[in-house]
N, C-alpha and C. Protein backbone atom coordinates (compact mmCIF):
# COMPACT_ATOMS: atom_id res chain seq x y z
N MET A 1 -12.57 7.63 -22.42
CA MET A 1 -12.92 7.72 -21.02
C MET A 1 -11.82 8.48 -20.28
N ALA A 2 -12.18 9.52 -19.56
CA ALA A 2 -11.21 10.33 -18.83
C ALA A 2 -10.80 9.61 -17.55
N MET A 3 -9.51 9.74 -17.23
CA MET A 3 -8.98 9.07 -16.05
C MET A 3 -9.01 10.03 -14.86
N ASN A 4 -9.46 9.54 -13.76
CA ASN A 4 -9.48 10.33 -12.54
C ASN A 4 -8.05 10.49 -12.03
N PRO A 5 -7.58 11.72 -11.77
CA PRO A 5 -6.19 11.90 -11.32
C PRO A 5 -5.91 11.25 -9.97
N MET A 6 -6.93 11.00 -9.18
CA MET A 6 -6.72 10.37 -7.88
C MET A 6 -6.72 8.85 -7.98
N GLU A 7 -6.96 8.32 -9.17
CA GLU A 7 -7.01 6.88 -9.37
C GLU A 7 -5.60 6.30 -9.35
N HIS A 8 -5.47 5.10 -8.81
CA HIS A 8 -4.16 4.45 -8.71
C HIS A 8 -3.64 4.08 -10.09
N ASN A 9 -2.42 4.42 -10.36
CA ASN A 9 -1.78 4.10 -11.63
C ASN A 9 -1.13 2.73 -11.53
N THR A 10 -1.69 1.73 -12.19
CA THR A 10 -1.17 0.37 -12.09
C THR A 10 0.10 0.18 -12.90
N GLY A 11 0.45 1.13 -13.76
CA GLY A 11 1.66 1.01 -14.57
C GLY A 11 2.94 1.16 -13.77
N ALA A 12 2.85 1.76 -12.59
CA ALA A 12 4.05 1.98 -11.78
C ALA A 12 4.15 0.99 -10.62
N ASP A 13 3.38 -0.09 -10.67
CA ASP A 13 3.44 -1.07 -9.59
C ASP A 13 4.82 -1.70 -9.45
N TRP A 14 5.50 -1.93 -10.56
CA TRP A 14 6.82 -2.55 -10.49
C TRP A 14 7.81 -1.63 -9.76
N LEU A 15 7.63 -0.31 -9.91
CA LEU A 15 8.51 0.64 -9.24
C LEU A 15 8.28 0.64 -7.74
N VAL A 16 7.02 0.56 -7.36
CA VAL A 16 6.68 0.52 -5.94
C VAL A 16 7.22 -0.77 -5.32
N GLU A 17 7.06 -1.86 -6.00
CA GLU A 17 7.57 -3.15 -5.50
C GLU A 17 9.09 -3.14 -5.39
N ALA A 18 9.76 -2.54 -6.36
CA ALA A 18 11.22 -2.45 -6.32
C ALA A 18 11.68 -1.59 -5.14
N ALA A 19 10.97 -0.51 -4.87
CA ALA A 19 11.32 0.35 -3.74
C ALA A 19 11.13 -0.40 -2.42
N ARG A 20 10.05 -1.18 -2.33
CA ARG A 20 9.83 -1.95 -1.11
C ARG A 20 10.91 -3.01 -0.93
N ALA A 21 11.29 -3.67 -2.01
CA ALA A 21 12.32 -4.71 -1.93
C ALA A 21 13.66 -4.09 -1.55
N ALA A 22 13.98 -2.92 -2.09
CA ALA A 22 15.23 -2.25 -1.75
C ALA A 22 15.24 -1.84 -0.30
N GLY A 23 14.11 -1.41 0.22
CA GLY A 23 14.03 -1.03 1.62
C GLY A 23 14.22 -2.21 2.55
N ASP A 24 13.82 -3.39 2.12
CA ASP A 24 13.97 -4.59 2.94
C ASP A 24 15.40 -5.10 2.96
N GLN A 25 16.20 -4.73 1.99
CA GLN A 25 17.56 -5.26 1.90
C GLN A 25 18.53 -4.56 2.84
N GLY A 26 18.22 -3.40 3.32
CA GLY A 26 19.11 -2.70 4.22
C GLY A 26 20.07 -1.80 3.47
N PRO A 27 21.12 -1.33 4.16
CA PRO A 27 22.01 -0.33 3.59
C PRO A 27 23.13 -0.91 2.72
N GLY A 28 23.06 -2.17 2.33
CA GLY A 28 24.17 -2.80 1.60
C GLY A 28 24.54 -2.10 0.31
N ASN A 29 23.57 -1.79 -0.53
CA ASN A 29 23.89 -1.14 -1.81
C ASN A 29 24.44 0.26 -1.60
N LEU A 30 23.88 0.99 -0.65
CA LEU A 30 24.38 2.33 -0.38
C LEU A 30 25.82 2.28 0.11
N LEU A 31 26.14 1.35 0.98
CA LEU A 31 27.51 1.24 1.48
C LEU A 31 28.47 0.85 0.36
N ARG A 32 28.03 -0.01 -0.55
CA ARG A 32 28.88 -0.36 -1.69
C ARG A 32 29.20 0.86 -2.53
N ILE A 33 28.18 1.66 -2.80
CA ILE A 33 28.38 2.86 -3.61
C ILE A 33 29.31 3.83 -2.90
N VAL A 34 29.11 4.01 -1.59
CA VAL A 34 29.97 4.92 -0.84
C VAL A 34 31.42 4.44 -0.87
N LEU A 35 31.64 3.15 -0.69
CA LEU A 35 33.00 2.62 -0.71
C LEU A 35 33.65 2.77 -2.08
N ILE A 36 32.90 2.52 -3.14
CA ILE A 36 33.45 2.67 -4.49
C ILE A 36 33.82 4.12 -4.76
N VAL A 37 32.95 5.04 -4.36
CA VAL A 37 33.24 6.46 -4.56
C VAL A 37 34.46 6.88 -3.75
N MET A 38 34.60 6.36 -2.54
CA MET A 38 35.75 6.69 -1.71
C MET A 38 37.05 6.19 -2.34
N VAL A 39 37.05 4.96 -2.84
CA VAL A 39 38.25 4.40 -3.45
C VAL A 39 38.63 5.18 -4.71
N VAL A 40 37.65 5.47 -5.54
CA VAL A 40 37.93 6.24 -6.76
C VAL A 40 38.41 7.64 -6.40
N GLY A 41 37.79 8.25 -5.41
CA GLY A 41 38.21 9.58 -4.97
C GLY A 41 39.62 9.59 -4.43
N CYS A 42 39.97 8.59 -3.63
CA CYS A 42 41.34 8.50 -3.11
C CYS A 42 42.34 8.30 -4.23
N ALA A 43 41.99 7.47 -5.21
CA ALA A 43 42.89 7.26 -6.35
C ALA A 43 43.10 8.55 -7.14
N LEU A 44 42.03 9.29 -7.37
CA LEU A 44 42.15 10.55 -8.09
C LEU A 44 42.94 11.59 -7.29
N ALA A 45 42.71 11.65 -5.99
CA ALA A 45 43.46 12.59 -5.14
C ALA A 45 44.94 12.23 -5.13
N GLY A 46 45.25 10.95 -5.02
CA GLY A 46 46.65 10.51 -5.06
C GLY A 46 47.30 10.84 -6.38
N TRP A 47 46.59 10.58 -7.47
CA TRP A 47 47.14 10.90 -8.79
C TRP A 47 47.40 12.40 -8.92
N PHE A 48 46.45 13.21 -8.45
CA PHE A 48 46.59 14.66 -8.54
C PHE A 48 47.79 15.15 -7.73
N LEU A 49 47.94 14.63 -6.51
CA LEU A 49 49.06 15.06 -5.67
C LEU A 49 50.40 14.59 -6.23
N LEU A 50 50.47 13.35 -6.66
CA LEU A 50 51.73 12.83 -7.19
C LEU A 50 52.09 13.49 -8.51
N ARG A 51 51.12 13.88 -9.28
CA ARG A 51 51.38 14.60 -10.53
C ARG A 51 52.07 15.93 -10.24
N GLY A 52 51.64 16.60 -9.18
CA GLY A 52 52.26 17.86 -8.80
C GLY A 52 53.70 17.68 -8.35
N TYR A 53 53.97 16.61 -7.60
CA TYR A 53 55.35 16.35 -7.17
C TYR A 53 56.24 16.03 -8.36
N ARG A 54 55.73 15.30 -9.33
CA ARG A 54 56.53 14.96 -10.49
C ARG A 54 56.86 16.22 -11.29
N ARG A 55 55.92 17.12 -11.41
CA ARG A 55 56.14 18.36 -12.15
C ARG A 55 57.23 19.20 -11.46
N ASP A 56 57.23 19.24 -10.12
CA ASP A 56 58.25 19.97 -9.39
C ASP A 56 59.62 19.34 -9.59
N ALA A 57 59.68 18.02 -9.61
CA ALA A 57 60.95 17.33 -9.80
C ALA A 57 61.50 17.57 -11.20
N ASP A 58 60.63 17.61 -12.20
CA ASP A 58 61.07 17.88 -13.58
C ASP A 58 61.62 19.30 -13.68
N GLU A 59 61.00 20.25 -13.02
CA GLU A 59 61.48 21.64 -13.07
C GLU A 59 62.82 21.77 -12.36
N ASP A 60 63.03 21.01 -11.27
CA ASP A 60 64.30 21.06 -10.54
C ASP A 60 65.43 20.52 -11.40
N ARG A 61 65.17 19.46 -12.17
CA ARG A 61 66.20 18.87 -13.02
C ARG A 61 66.55 19.79 -14.18
N ASN A 62 65.52 20.43 -14.75
CA ASN A 62 65.75 21.25 -15.93
C ASN A 62 66.17 22.68 -15.58
N GLY A 63 65.84 23.14 -14.42
CA GLY A 63 66.02 24.53 -14.14
C GLY A 63 67.10 24.84 -13.23
């Protein structure tokens, strides 16, 4: 039996329900993700900057 493309696909009901539930919860998960990315980004930026200062100090001692 051929399926009508306009027919509702009941296999994706759990996805629709999950999207509705996520919409009802508000921006909490998004804010968590943004904060985690910010903290990780700051840590990487700090490491990158401090690594450069250490390299300059090593060159000053040796050179």
